[in-house]
Amino acid sequence: CSRVKRLLNRFSAWIGVASGPAASRCLRAARLSAALAGPRSPPVTPLSRSAREVGGVDLVAELRSLVQTSGPETGRFSDRNPYSPDNSNGFGQALSMLALSYTDAGVPATSVTFLLDQQCPGGGFRLFYTSTSGCDDASNADTDATALAIQALLAAPRTAGSTAAMADAISWLVSMQDPTSGAWTGSVATTAPASATT
């Protein structure tokens, strides 16, 4: 158990799949412990100036410009595409937050708030943002979106609300794990066990 906890604390990542009930319980406890330990995990190193400017484009500024600044979608990273509707979702929200966590200004607080609003009853996070009011139906929770949301929240400044949200999300993910194979099924769009999810 202590070896698993050390690995998780060191890498702050999901490490392998345990076998057997005792190992599974130990791994679950270690994951929760690693997720909730410390003010911020993993350590964040700001991007260098050259990494921000690619081909004359400031990618950090471009990404920040996608954050909605008013209305019910405040904090959402939205698509900018004149030819189709906004298809931004939980993946883009979490990945954008992860990217900005490596910048000097960090993750916008409004984006953290928006992501927390996407947590469904039961602890999982939804993938599709079909409505802007947040998630009120547990069946909309998605394992992949939840795993990415946890990583994004780990990279943002910790609050009591985000810590509680991560604990609920981790508990939900553990409840979705197949006790025999250790695999996770997808949800919403992908309900069969999938290597991408596991």
N, C-alpha and C. Protein backbone atom coordinates (compact mmCIF):
# COMPACT_ATOMS: atom_id res chain seq x y z
N CYS A 1 0.82 -1.19 0.00
CA CYS A 1 0.00 0.00 0.00
C CYS A 1 0.87 1.26 0.00
N SER A 2 1.90 1.29 0.82
CA SER A 2 2.73 2.49 0.90
C SER A 2 3.48 2.74 -0.40
N ARG A 3 3.86 1.68 -1.12
CA ARG A 3 4.55 1.85 -2.40
C ARG A 3 3.63 2.51 -3.42
N VAL A 4 2.37 2.06 -3.45
CA VAL A 4 1.41 2.64 -4.38
C VAL A 4 1.18 4.11 -4.05
N LYS A 5 1.03 4.40 -2.75
CA LYS A 5 0.81 5.79 -2.34
C LYS A 5 2.00 6.67 -2.73
N ARG A 6 3.22 6.15 -2.53
CA ARG A 6 4.40 6.94 -2.91
C ARG A 6 4.41 7.21 -4.41
N LEU A 7 4.09 6.20 -5.21
CA LEU A 7 4.07 6.39 -6.65
C LEU A 7 3.04 7.43 -7.05
N LEU A 8 1.85 7.33 -6.48
CA LEU A 8 0.81 8.27 -6.84
C LEU A 8 1.13 9.68 -6.38
N ASN A 9 1.69 9.80 -5.20
CA ASN A 9 2.07 11.13 -4.72
C ASN A 9 3.18 11.72 -5.58
N ARG A 10 4.07 10.87 -6.05
CA ARG A 10 5.19 11.35 -6.86
C ARG A 10 4.74 11.76 -8.25
N PHE A 11 3.91 10.97 -8.88
CA PHE A 11 3.52 11.23 -10.26
C PHE A 11 2.15 11.86 -10.40
N SER A 12 1.34 11.83 -9.34
CA SER A 12 -0.03 12.36 -9.37
C SER A 12 -0.78 11.89 -10.61
N ALA A 13 -0.70 10.60 -10.87
CA ALA A 13 -1.33 10.04 -12.07
C ALA A 13 -1.97 8.70 -11.73
N TRP A 14 -2.81 8.24 -12.60
CA TRP A 14 -3.40 6.92 -12.43
C TRP A 14 -2.35 5.90 -12.84
N ILE A 15 -1.98 5.02 -11.92
CA ILE A 15 -0.92 4.06 -12.17
C ILE A 15 -1.52 2.67 -12.27
N GLY A 16 -1.52 2.10 -13.46
CA GLY A 16 -1.85 0.70 -13.65
C GLY A 16 -3.20 0.28 -13.11
N VAL A 17 -3.40 -1.01 -13.05
CA VAL A 17 -4.61 -1.62 -12.53
C VAL A 17 -4.22 -2.66 -11.52
N ALA A 18 -4.74 -2.55 -10.32
CA ALA A 18 -4.43 -3.53 -9.29
C ALA A 18 -5.25 -4.79 -9.51
N SER A 19 -4.82 -5.90 -8.96
CA SER A 19 -5.59 -7.12 -9.05
C SER A 19 -5.95 -7.59 -7.66
N GLY A 20 -7.12 -8.13 -7.53
CA GLY A 20 -7.57 -8.65 -6.25
C GLY A 20 -8.23 -7.57 -5.41
N PRO A 21 -9.16 -7.97 -4.53
CA PRO A 21 -9.90 -6.99 -3.73
C PRO A 21 -9.03 -6.14 -2.82
N ALA A 22 -8.04 -6.75 -2.15
CA ALA A 22 -7.21 -5.99 -1.22
C ALA A 22 -6.39 -4.94 -1.96
N ALA A 23 -5.78 -5.34 -3.06
CA ALA A 23 -4.97 -4.41 -3.85
C ALA A 23 -5.85 -3.30 -4.42
N SER A 24 -7.06 -3.67 -4.83
CA SER A 24 -7.97 -2.68 -5.39
C SER A 24 -8.36 -1.65 -4.33
N ARG A 25 -8.67 -2.09 -3.12
CA ARG A 25 -9.01 -1.16 -2.04
C ARG A 25 -7.83 -0.25 -1.72
N CYS A 26 -6.64 -0.84 -1.69
CA CYS A 26 -5.44 -0.06 -1.41
C CYS A 26 -5.22 1.01 -2.49
N LEU A 27 -5.37 0.61 -3.75
CA LEU A 27 -5.17 1.53 -4.85
C LEU A 27 -6.21 2.65 -4.82
N ARG A 28 -7.45 2.30 -4.50
CA ARG A 28 -8.49 3.32 -4.41
C ARG A 28 -8.17 4.33 -3.32
N ALA A 29 -7.74 3.83 -2.16
CA ALA A 29 -7.39 4.73 -1.05
C ALA A 29 -6.20 5.61 -1.43
N ALA A 30 -5.23 5.01 -2.11
CA ALA A 30 -4.04 5.76 -2.50
C ALA A 30 -4.39 6.84 -3.51
N ARG A 31 -5.28 6.53 -4.45
CA ARG A 31 -5.69 7.53 -5.44
C ARG A 31 -6.37 8.71 -4.78
N LEU A 32 -7.27 8.41 -3.86
CA LEU A 32 -7.97 9.48 -3.16
C LEU A 32 -6.99 10.31 -2.35
N SER A 33 -6.08 9.65 -1.66
CA SER A 33 -5.08 10.34 -0.86
C SER A 33 -4.21 11.24 -1.73
N ALA A 34 -3.78 10.71 -2.88
CA ALA A 34 -2.92 11.50 -3.77
C ALA A 34 -3.66 12.69 -4.35
N ALA A 35 -4.93 12.48 -4.68
CA ALA A 35 -5.70 13.57 -5.28
C ALA A 35 -5.95 14.71 -4.31
N LEU A 36 -6.09 14.39 -3.04
CA LEU A 36 -6.46 15.41 -2.08
C LEU A 36 -5.28 15.98 -1.31
N ALA A 37 -4.09 15.44 -1.52
CA ALA A 37 -2.91 15.89 -0.78
C ALA A 37 -2.36 17.17 -1.38
N GLY A 38 -1.92 18.06 -0.53
CA GLY A 38 -1.17 19.24 -0.97
C GLY A 38 -2.04 20.30 -1.60
N PRO A 39 -1.49 21.50 -1.72
CA PRO A 39 -2.23 22.62 -2.25
C PRO A 39 -2.40 22.56 -3.77
N ARG A 40 -1.48 21.87 -4.44
CA ARG A 40 -1.51 21.85 -5.90
C ARG A 40 -0.69 20.67 -6.38
N SER A 41 -1.23 19.93 -7.31
CA SER A 41 -0.51 18.77 -7.81
C SER A 41 -0.92 18.56 -9.25
N PRO A 42 -0.05 18.34 -10.19
CA PRO A 42 1.40 18.24 -10.08
C PRO A 42 2.04 19.62 -10.03
N PRO A 43 3.36 19.69 -9.67
CA PRO A 43 4.04 20.98 -9.70
C PRO A 43 3.96 21.59 -11.09
N VAL A 44 3.71 22.87 -11.16
CA VAL A 44 3.52 23.52 -12.45
C VAL A 44 4.70 24.42 -12.75
N THR A 45 5.24 24.29 -13.93
CA THR A 45 6.34 25.14 -14.39
C THR A 45 5.79 26.05 -15.49
N PRO A 46 5.86 27.37 -15.32
CA PRO A 46 5.33 28.27 -16.35
C PRO A 46 6.01 28.05 -17.69
N LEU A 47 5.24 28.27 -18.75
CA LEU A 47 5.77 28.14 -20.10
C LEU A 47 6.78 29.26 -20.36
N SER A 48 7.80 28.93 -21.11
CA SER A 48 8.74 29.98 -21.50
C SER A 48 8.10 30.86 -22.57
N ARG A 49 8.65 32.03 -22.75
CA ARG A 49 8.08 32.96 -23.74
C ARG A 49 8.09 32.35 -25.13
N SER A 50 9.15 31.63 -25.48
CA SER A 50 9.22 31.06 -26.83
C SER A 50 8.15 29.99 -27.04
N ALA A 51 7.76 29.30 -25.98
CA ALA A 51 6.72 28.28 -26.12
C ALA A 51 5.34 28.92 -26.31
N ARG A 52 5.20 30.17 -25.91
CA ARG A 52 3.91 30.86 -26.07
C ARG A 52 3.73 31.41 -27.46
N GLU A 53 4.81 31.63 -28.16
CA GLU A 53 4.72 32.26 -29.47
C GLU A 53 5.12 31.26 -30.54
N VAL A 54 4.15 30.79 -31.28
CA VAL A 54 4.40 29.78 -32.31
C VAL A 54 3.98 30.36 -33.65
N GLY A 55 4.94 30.52 -34.54
CA GLY A 55 4.64 31.07 -35.86
C GLY A 55 4.02 32.45 -35.79
N GLY A 56 4.43 33.25 -34.81
CA GLY A 56 3.91 34.60 -34.67
C GLY A 56 2.56 34.67 -33.96
N VAL A 57 2.08 33.53 -33.46
CA VAL A 57 0.79 33.49 -32.77
C VAL A 57 1.02 33.22 -31.29
N ASP A 58 0.41 34.03 -30.45
CA ASP A 58 0.48 33.80 -29.01
C ASP A 58 -0.63 32.81 -28.65
N LEU A 59 -0.26 31.55 -28.53
CA LEU A 59 -1.26 30.51 -28.30
C LEU A 59 -1.94 30.65 -26.95
N VAL A 60 -1.23 31.17 -25.97
CA VAL A 60 -1.84 31.36 -24.65
C VAL A 60 -2.94 32.42 -24.75
N ALA A 61 -2.64 33.53 -25.41
CA ALA A 61 -3.65 34.58 -25.58
C ALA A 61 -4.84 34.06 -26.38
N GLU A 62 -4.56 33.28 -27.42
CA GLU A 62 -5.65 32.70 -28.22
C GLU A 62 -6.54 31.82 -27.36
N LEU A 63 -5.94 30.99 -26.53
CA LEU A 63 -6.72 30.10 -25.68
C LEU A 63 -7.54 30.90 -24.67
N ARG A 64 -6.92 31.88 -24.06
CA ARG A 64 -7.65 32.71 -23.09
C ARG A 64 -8.80 33.47 -23.75
N SER A 65 -8.66 33.80 -25.03
CA SER A 65 -9.73 34.54 -25.72
C SER A 65 -10.98 33.69 -25.93
N LEU A 66 -10.86 32.39 -25.76
CA LEU A 66 -12.01 31.50 -25.93
C LEU A 66 -12.87 31.39 -24.67
N VAL A 67 -12.41 31.97 -23.56
CA VAL A 67 -13.16 31.90 -22.31
C VAL A 67 -14.32 32.89 -22.35
N GLN A 68 -15.53 32.39 -22.12
CA GLN A 68 -16.71 33.26 -22.07
C GLN A 68 -16.61 34.15 -20.82
N THR A 69 -16.90 35.42 -20.98
CA THR A 69 -16.72 36.37 -19.87
C THR A 69 -18.02 36.88 -19.27
N SER A 70 -19.17 36.48 -19.84
CA SER A 70 -20.44 36.93 -19.27
C SER A 70 -21.53 35.92 -19.59
N GLY A 71 -22.64 36.06 -18.89
CA GLY A 71 -23.79 35.20 -19.12
C GLY A 71 -23.66 33.86 -18.42
N PRO A 72 -24.60 32.95 -18.74
CA PRO A 72 -24.64 31.66 -18.06
C PRO A 72 -23.45 30.75 -18.37
N GLU A 73 -22.71 31.06 -19.42
CA GLU A 73 -21.55 30.24 -19.79
C GLU A 73 -20.23 30.87 -19.37
N THR A 74 -20.26 31.81 -18.46
CA THR A 74 -19.04 32.45 -17.98
C THR A 74 -18.05 31.38 -17.52
N GLY A 75 -16.83 31.46 -18.06
CA GLY A 75 -15.78 30.51 -17.70
C GLY A 75 -15.63 29.35 -18.66
N ARG A 76 -16.59 29.19 -19.57
CA ARG A 76 -16.53 28.09 -20.54
C ARG A 76 -15.57 28.43 -21.67
N PHE A 77 -14.74 27.46 -22.05
CA PHE A 77 -13.91 27.60 -23.25
C PHE A 77 -14.78 27.19 -24.42
N SER A 78 -15.15 28.14 -25.27
CA SER A 78 -16.07 27.88 -26.37
C SER A 78 -15.35 27.85 -27.70
N ASP A 79 -15.91 27.08 -28.62
CA ASP A 79 -15.37 27.03 -29.98
C ASP A 79 -15.57 28.37 -30.67
N ARG A 80 -14.66 28.68 -31.57
CA ARG A 80 -14.81 29.85 -32.42
C ARG A 80 -14.82 29.34 -33.86
N ASN A 81 -16.01 29.04 -34.34
CA ASN A 81 -16.15 28.48 -35.68
C ASN A 81 -17.38 29.09 -36.32
N PRO A 82 -17.21 29.93 -37.34
CA PRO A 82 -18.37 30.59 -37.94
C PRO A 82 -19.25 29.65 -38.76
N TYR A 83 -18.78 28.42 -39.00
CA TYR A 83 -19.51 27.51 -39.88
C TYR A 83 -20.27 26.41 -39.15
N SER A 84 -20.16 26.35 -37.84
CA SER A 84 -20.89 25.32 -37.11
C SER A 84 -21.17 25.81 -35.70
N PRO A 85 -22.10 25.13 -35.01
CA PRO A 85 -22.40 25.55 -33.64
C PRO A 85 -21.24 25.24 -32.71
N ASP A 86 -21.32 25.78 -31.52
CA ASP A 86 -20.29 25.55 -30.51
C ASP A 86 -20.37 24.10 -30.05
N ASN A 87 -19.35 23.33 -30.34
CA ASN A 87 -19.31 21.91 -29.93
C ASN A 87 -18.33 21.68 -28.79
N SER A 88 -17.91 22.74 -28.11
CA SER A 88 -16.98 22.56 -27.01
C SER A 88 -17.63 21.68 -25.94
N ASN A 89 -16.79 20.93 -25.23
CA ASN A 89 -17.33 19.97 -24.26
C ASN A 89 -16.39 19.81 -23.07
N GLY A 90 -16.63 18.78 -22.28
CA GLY A 90 -15.83 18.55 -21.08
C GLY A 90 -14.37 18.28 -21.36
N PHE A 91 -14.07 17.65 -22.49
CA PHE A 91 -12.66 17.42 -22.83
C PHE A 91 -11.94 18.74 -23.06
N GLY A 92 -12.52 19.59 -23.89
CA GLY A 92 -11.90 20.87 -24.19
C GLY A 92 -11.77 21.75 -22.96
N GLN A 93 -12.79 21.74 -22.10
CA GLN A 93 -12.74 22.54 -20.87
C GLN A 93 -11.56 22.12 -20.01
N ALA A 94 -11.46 20.81 -19.78
CA ALA A 94 -10.40 20.30 -18.91
C ALA A 94 -9.02 20.48 -19.54
N LEU A 95 -8.89 20.18 -20.83
CA LEU A 95 -7.58 20.30 -21.48
C LEU A 95 -7.13 21.76 -21.55
N SER A 96 -8.06 22.67 -21.76
CA SER A 96 -7.70 24.10 -21.78
C SER A 96 -7.23 24.55 -20.41
N MET A 97 -7.89 24.08 -19.37
CA MET A 97 -7.47 24.43 -18.01
C MET A 97 -6.09 23.85 -17.72
N LEU A 98 -5.86 22.62 -18.13
CA LEU A 98 -4.53 22.01 -17.93
C LEU A 98 -3.45 22.82 -18.64
N ALA A 99 -3.72 23.22 -19.86
CA ALA A 99 -2.73 24.01 -20.61
C ALA A 99 -2.43 25.32 -19.90
N LEU A 100 -3.47 26.02 -19.46
CA LEU A 100 -3.26 27.32 -18.82
C LEU A 100 -2.64 27.20 -17.44
N SER A 101 -2.71 26.03 -16.84
CA SER A 101 -2.08 25.86 -15.53
C SER A 101 -0.56 25.99 -15.64
N TYR A 102 -0.02 25.88 -16.84
CA TYR A 102 1.42 26.01 -17.06
C TYR A 102 1.82 27.42 -17.45
N THR A 103 0.91 28.37 -17.32
CA THR A 103 1.23 29.76 -17.65
C THR A 103 1.33 30.58 -16.36
N ASP A 104 1.94 31.75 -16.48
CA ASP A 104 2.12 32.61 -15.31
C ASP A 104 0.80 32.99 -14.65
N ALA A 105 -0.22 33.28 -15.45
CA ALA A 105 -1.51 33.71 -14.90
C ALA A 105 -2.36 32.55 -14.41
N GLY A 106 -2.02 31.34 -14.80
CA GLY A 106 -2.73 30.16 -14.32
C GLY A 106 -4.12 30.00 -14.92
N VAL A 107 -4.92 29.19 -14.25
CA VAL A 107 -6.26 28.85 -14.71
C VAL A 107 -7.24 29.93 -14.27
N PRO A 108 -8.07 30.43 -15.18
CA PRO A 108 -9.07 31.43 -14.76
C PRO A 108 -10.03 30.83 -13.73
N ALA A 109 -10.27 31.57 -12.66
CA ALA A 109 -11.18 31.09 -11.60
C ALA A 109 -12.57 30.83 -12.16
N THR A 110 -13.00 31.61 -13.14
CA THR A 110 -14.33 31.40 -13.71
C THR A 110 -14.41 30.06 -14.44
N SER A 111 -13.30 29.63 -15.02
CA SER A 111 -13.29 28.33 -15.71
C SER A 111 -13.39 27.18 -14.73
N VAL A 112 -12.76 27.34 -13.56
CA VAL A 112 -12.89 26.32 -12.50
C VAL A 112 -14.34 26.24 -12.05
N THR A 113 -14.95 27.39 -11.83
CA THR A 113 -16.35 27.43 -11.40
C THR A 113 -17.26 26.78 -12.43
N PHE A 114 -17.03 27.10 -13.72
CA PHE A 114 -17.86 26.50 -14.76
C PHE A 114 -17.69 24.98 -14.78
N LEU A 115 -16.45 24.50 -14.65
CA LEU A 115 -16.23 23.06 -14.66
C LEU A 115 -16.91 22.41 -13.46
N LEU A 116 -16.81 23.00 -12.29
CA LEU A 116 -17.47 22.44 -11.10
C LEU A 116 -18.98 22.34 -11.29
N ASP A 117 -19.56 23.28 -12.03
CA ASP A 117 -21.00 23.23 -12.30
C ASP A 117 -21.39 22.06 -13.19
N GLN A 118 -20.41 21.46 -13.86
CA GLN A 118 -20.70 20.34 -14.77
C GLN A 118 -20.69 18.99 -14.04
N GLN A 119 -20.48 19.02 -12.73
CA GLN A 119 -20.48 17.78 -11.96
C GLN A 119 -21.93 17.32 -11.75
N CYS A 120 -22.17 16.06 -12.06
CA CYS A 120 -23.51 15.49 -11.97
C CYS A 120 -23.77 14.94 -10.57
N PRO A 121 -25.03 14.74 -10.22
CA PRO A 121 -25.33 14.07 -8.95
C PRO A 121 -24.64 12.71 -8.94
N GLY A 122 -24.01 12.37 -7.86
CA GLY A 122 -23.27 11.12 -7.79
C GLY A 122 -21.78 11.31 -7.96
N GLY A 123 -21.35 12.45 -8.52
CA GLY A 123 -19.93 12.76 -8.56
C GLY A 123 -19.26 12.82 -9.91
N GLY A 124 -19.82 12.15 -10.93
CA GLY A 124 -19.20 12.19 -12.26
C GLY A 124 -19.42 13.53 -12.93
N PHE A 125 -18.63 13.81 -13.96
CA PHE A 125 -18.76 15.05 -14.74
C PHE A 125 -19.32 14.72 -16.12
N ARG A 126 -20.12 15.61 -16.64
CA ARG A 126 -20.69 15.36 -17.96
C ARG A 126 -19.70 15.74 -19.06
N LEU A 127 -19.86 15.09 -20.21
CA LEU A 127 -19.03 15.36 -21.36
C LEU A 127 -19.66 16.43 -22.25
N PHE A 128 -20.94 16.28 -22.53
CA PHE A 128 -21.62 17.16 -23.48
C PHE A 128 -22.30 18.32 -22.75
N TYR A 129 -22.05 19.53 -23.23
CA TYR A 129 -22.64 20.72 -22.64
C TYR A 129 -23.85 21.14 -23.47
N THR A 130 -24.87 20.29 -23.47
CA THR A 130 -26.06 20.57 -24.26
C THR A 130 -26.93 21.64 -23.64
N SER A 131 -26.80 21.84 -22.37
CA SER A 131 -27.49 22.96 -21.71
C SER A 131 -26.44 23.69 -20.89
N THR A 132 -26.72 24.92 -20.56
CA THR A 132 -25.72 25.72 -19.84
C THR A 132 -25.95 25.75 -18.34
N SER A 133 -26.96 25.02 -17.88
CA SER A 133 -27.30 25.12 -16.46
C SER A 133 -26.52 24.16 -15.58
N GLY A 134 -25.62 23.40 -16.15
CA GLY A 134 -24.88 22.41 -15.36
C GLY A 134 -25.54 21.05 -15.49
N CYS A 135 -25.05 20.09 -14.73
CA CYS A 135 -25.55 18.72 -14.84
C CYS A 135 -26.51 18.42 -13.69
N ASP A 136 -27.71 18.02 -14.04
CA ASP A 136 -28.68 17.66 -13.01
C ASP A 136 -29.16 16.22 -13.15
N ASP A 137 -28.50 15.44 -14.02
CA ASP A 137 -28.90 14.05 -14.26
C ASP A 137 -27.67 13.16 -14.20
N ALA A 138 -27.63 12.25 -13.24
CA ALA A 138 -26.47 11.38 -13.04
C ALA A 138 -26.16 10.54 -14.28
N SER A 139 -27.16 10.27 -15.10
CA SER A 139 -26.92 9.43 -16.29
C SER A 139 -26.09 10.16 -17.34
N ASN A 140 -25.88 11.46 -17.20
CA ASN A 140 -25.05 12.22 -18.14
C ASN A 140 -23.56 12.19 -17.78
N ALA A 141 -23.22 11.60 -16.64
CA ALA A 141 -21.82 11.55 -16.22
C ALA A 141 -21.03 10.63 -17.15
N ASP A 142 -19.79 11.02 -17.41
CA ASP A 142 -18.94 10.30 -18.35
C ASP A 142 -17.60 10.00 -17.67
N THR A 143 -17.11 8.76 -17.81
CA THR A 143 -15.88 8.39 -17.13
C THR A 143 -14.67 9.16 -17.67
N ASP A 144 -14.57 9.30 -18.97
CA ASP A 144 -13.43 10.02 -19.55
C ASP A 144 -13.45 11.49 -19.15
N ALA A 145 -14.62 12.13 -19.26
CA ALA A 145 -14.73 13.54 -18.89
C ALA A 145 -14.43 13.73 -17.41
N THR A 146 -14.84 12.77 -16.58
CA THR A 146 -14.59 12.87 -15.14
C THR A 146 -13.11 12.76 -14.84
N ALA A 147 -12.42 11.82 -15.48
CA ALA A 147 -10.98 11.67 -15.26
C ALA A 147 -10.23 12.94 -15.66
N LEU A 148 -10.61 13.53 -16.79
CA LEU A 148 -9.96 14.77 -17.22
C LEU A 148 -10.31 15.94 -16.29
N ALA A 149 -11.54 15.98 -15.82
CA ALA A 149 -11.95 17.05 -14.89
C ALA A 149 -11.13 16.98 -13.61
N ILE A 150 -10.90 15.78 -13.10
CA ILE A 150 -10.09 15.63 -11.89
C ILE A 150 -8.69 16.18 -12.13
N GLN A 151 -8.10 15.84 -13.27
CA GLN A 151 -6.75 16.34 -13.58
C GLN A 151 -6.74 17.86 -13.69
N ALA A 152 -7.76 18.42 -14.32
CA ALA A 152 -7.83 19.88 -14.46
C ALA A 152 -7.97 20.55 -13.09
N LEU A 153 -8.79 19.98 -12.22
CA LEU A 153 -8.97 20.55 -10.89
C LEU A 153 -7.70 20.40 -10.04
N LEU A 154 -6.96 19.31 -10.26
CA LEU A 154 -5.69 19.14 -9.55
C LEU A 154 -4.68 20.21 -9.96
N ALA A 155 -4.78 20.68 -11.20
CA ALA A 155 -3.82 21.67 -11.71
C ALA A 155 -4.20 23.10 -11.34
N ALA A 156 -5.42 23.29 -10.86
CA ALA A 156 -5.89 24.63 -10.50
C ALA A 156 -5.68 24.87 -9.01
N PRO A 157 -5.68 26.13 -8.58
CA PRO A 157 -5.58 26.40 -7.15
C PRO A 157 -6.69 25.68 -6.39
N ARG A 158 -6.32 25.06 -5.29
CA ARG A 158 -7.25 24.22 -4.52
C ARG A 158 -8.17 25.06 -3.65
N THR A 159 -9.45 24.71 -3.64
CA THR A 159 -10.43 25.31 -2.74
C THR A 159 -11.16 24.17 -2.03
N ALA A 160 -11.92 24.51 -1.01
CA ALA A 160 -12.71 23.49 -0.32
C ALA A 160 -13.71 22.86 -1.29
N GLY A 161 -14.29 23.68 -2.16
CA GLY A 161 -15.25 23.17 -3.14
C GLY A 161 -14.64 22.23 -4.15
N SER A 162 -13.46 22.59 -4.66
CA SER A 162 -12.83 21.71 -5.66
C SER A 162 -12.33 20.43 -5.02
N THR A 163 -11.86 20.52 -3.78
CA THR A 163 -11.41 19.32 -3.07
C THR A 163 -12.56 18.35 -2.85
N ALA A 164 -13.70 18.87 -2.43
CA ALA A 164 -14.88 18.02 -2.23
C ALA A 164 -15.35 17.43 -3.56
N ALA A 165 -15.31 18.24 -4.61
CA ALA A 165 -15.73 17.76 -5.94
C ALA A 165 -14.84 16.64 -6.42
N MET A 166 -13.52 16.79 -6.21
CA MET A 166 -12.60 15.73 -6.62
C MET A 166 -12.82 14.44 -5.84
N ALA A 167 -13.08 14.56 -4.55
CA ALA A 167 -13.34 13.37 -3.73
C ALA A 167 -14.57 12.64 -4.25
N ASP A 168 -15.63 13.38 -4.56
CA ASP A 168 -16.85 12.77 -5.09
C ASP A 168 -16.59 12.14 -6.46
N ALA A 169 -15.81 12.83 -7.29
CA ALA A 169 -15.52 12.33 -8.63
C ALA A 169 -14.69 11.04 -8.58
N ILE A 170 -13.72 11.00 -7.69
CA ILE A 170 -12.89 9.81 -7.55
C ILE A 170 -13.73 8.64 -7.05
N SER A 171 -14.59 8.90 -6.08
CA SER A 171 -15.48 7.85 -5.58
C SER A 171 -16.38 7.33 -6.69
N TRP A 172 -16.89 8.23 -7.52
CA TRP A 172 -17.74 7.81 -8.63
C TRP A 172 -16.94 6.98 -9.63
N LEU A 173 -15.73 7.42 -9.96
CA LEU A 173 -14.90 6.65 -10.90
C LEU A 173 -14.62 5.24 -10.36
N VAL A 174 -14.30 5.15 -9.08
CA VAL A 174 -14.03 3.85 -8.48
C VAL A 174 -15.27 2.96 -8.58
N SER A 175 -16.45 3.56 -8.39
CA SER A 175 -17.69 2.78 -8.47
C SER A 175 -17.97 2.29 -9.89
N MET A 176 -17.38 2.95 -10.88
CA MET A 176 -17.58 2.56 -12.28
C MET A 176 -16.57 1.51 -12.75
N GLN A 177 -15.58 1.22 -11.93
CA GLN A 177 -14.54 0.26 -12.33
C GLN A 177 -15.06 -1.16 -12.22
N ASP A 178 -14.79 -1.97 -13.24
CA ASP A 178 -15.19 -3.37 -13.22
C ASP A 178 -14.34 -4.11 -12.19
N PRO A 179 -14.96 -4.73 -11.17
CA PRO A 179 -14.19 -5.36 -10.10
C PRO A 179 -13.40 -6.58 -10.56
N THR A 180 -13.79 -7.19 -11.66
CA THR A 180 -13.10 -8.38 -12.14
C THR A 180 -11.89 -8.04 -13.00
N SER A 181 -12.10 -7.19 -14.00
CA SER A 181 -11.02 -6.87 -14.94
C SER A 181 -10.22 -5.65 -14.54
N GLY A 182 -10.81 -4.78 -13.71
CA GLY A 182 -10.15 -3.53 -13.36
C GLY A 182 -10.35 -2.45 -14.40
N ALA A 183 -11.05 -2.77 -15.50
CA ALA A 183 -11.26 -1.81 -16.59
C ALA A 183 -12.41 -0.88 -16.27
N TRP A 184 -12.43 0.22 -16.97
CA TRP A 184 -13.56 1.15 -16.90
C TRP A 184 -14.30 1.11 -18.21
N THR A 185 -15.60 1.16 -18.12
CA THR A 185 -16.37 1.33 -19.35
C THR A 185 -16.48 2.81 -19.61
N GLY A 186 -16.73 3.13 -20.84
CA GLY A 186 -17.06 4.51 -21.14
C GLY A 186 -18.47 4.74 -20.67
N SER A 187 -19.00 5.88 -20.93
CA SER A 187 -20.38 6.15 -20.58
C SER A 187 -20.95 7.13 -21.59
N VAL A 188 -22.22 7.32 -21.56
CA VAL A 188 -22.94 8.15 -22.51
C VAL A 188 -22.73 7.62 -23.92
N ALA A 189 -21.65 7.99 -24.59
CA ALA A 189 -21.44 7.58 -25.98
C ALA A 189 -20.74 6.22 -26.11
N THR A 190 -19.95 5.84 -25.13
CA THR A 190 -19.20 4.58 -25.21
C THR A 190 -19.43 3.78 -23.95
N THR A 191 -20.29 2.78 -24.02
CA THR A 191 -20.65 2.05 -22.80
C THR A 191 -19.88 0.75 -22.63
N ALA A 192 -19.20 0.27 -23.65
CA ALA A 192 -18.42 -0.96 -23.53
C ALA A 192 -17.04 -0.64 -22.94
N PRO A 193 -16.40 -1.63 -22.27
CA PRO A 193 -15.04 -1.38 -21.78
C PRO A 193 -14.14 -0.96 -22.94
N ALA A 194 -13.32 0.04 -22.69
CA ALA A 194 -12.48 0.58 -23.77
C ALA A 194 -11.09 0.85 -23.26
N SER A 195 -10.09 0.51 -24.07
CA SER A 195 -8.70 0.73 -23.65
C SER A 195 -8.43 2.22 -23.48
N ALA A 196 -9.08 3.05 -24.26
CA ALA A 196 -8.87 4.50 -24.13
C ALA A 196 -9.36 5.00 -22.79
N THR A 197 -10.46 4.44 -22.30
CA THR A 197 -11.00 4.85 -21.01
C THR A 197 -10.15 4.31 -19.87
N THR A 198 -9.77 3.04 -19.95
CA THR A 198 -9.00 2.43 -18.88
C THR A 198 -7.63 3.03 -18.84
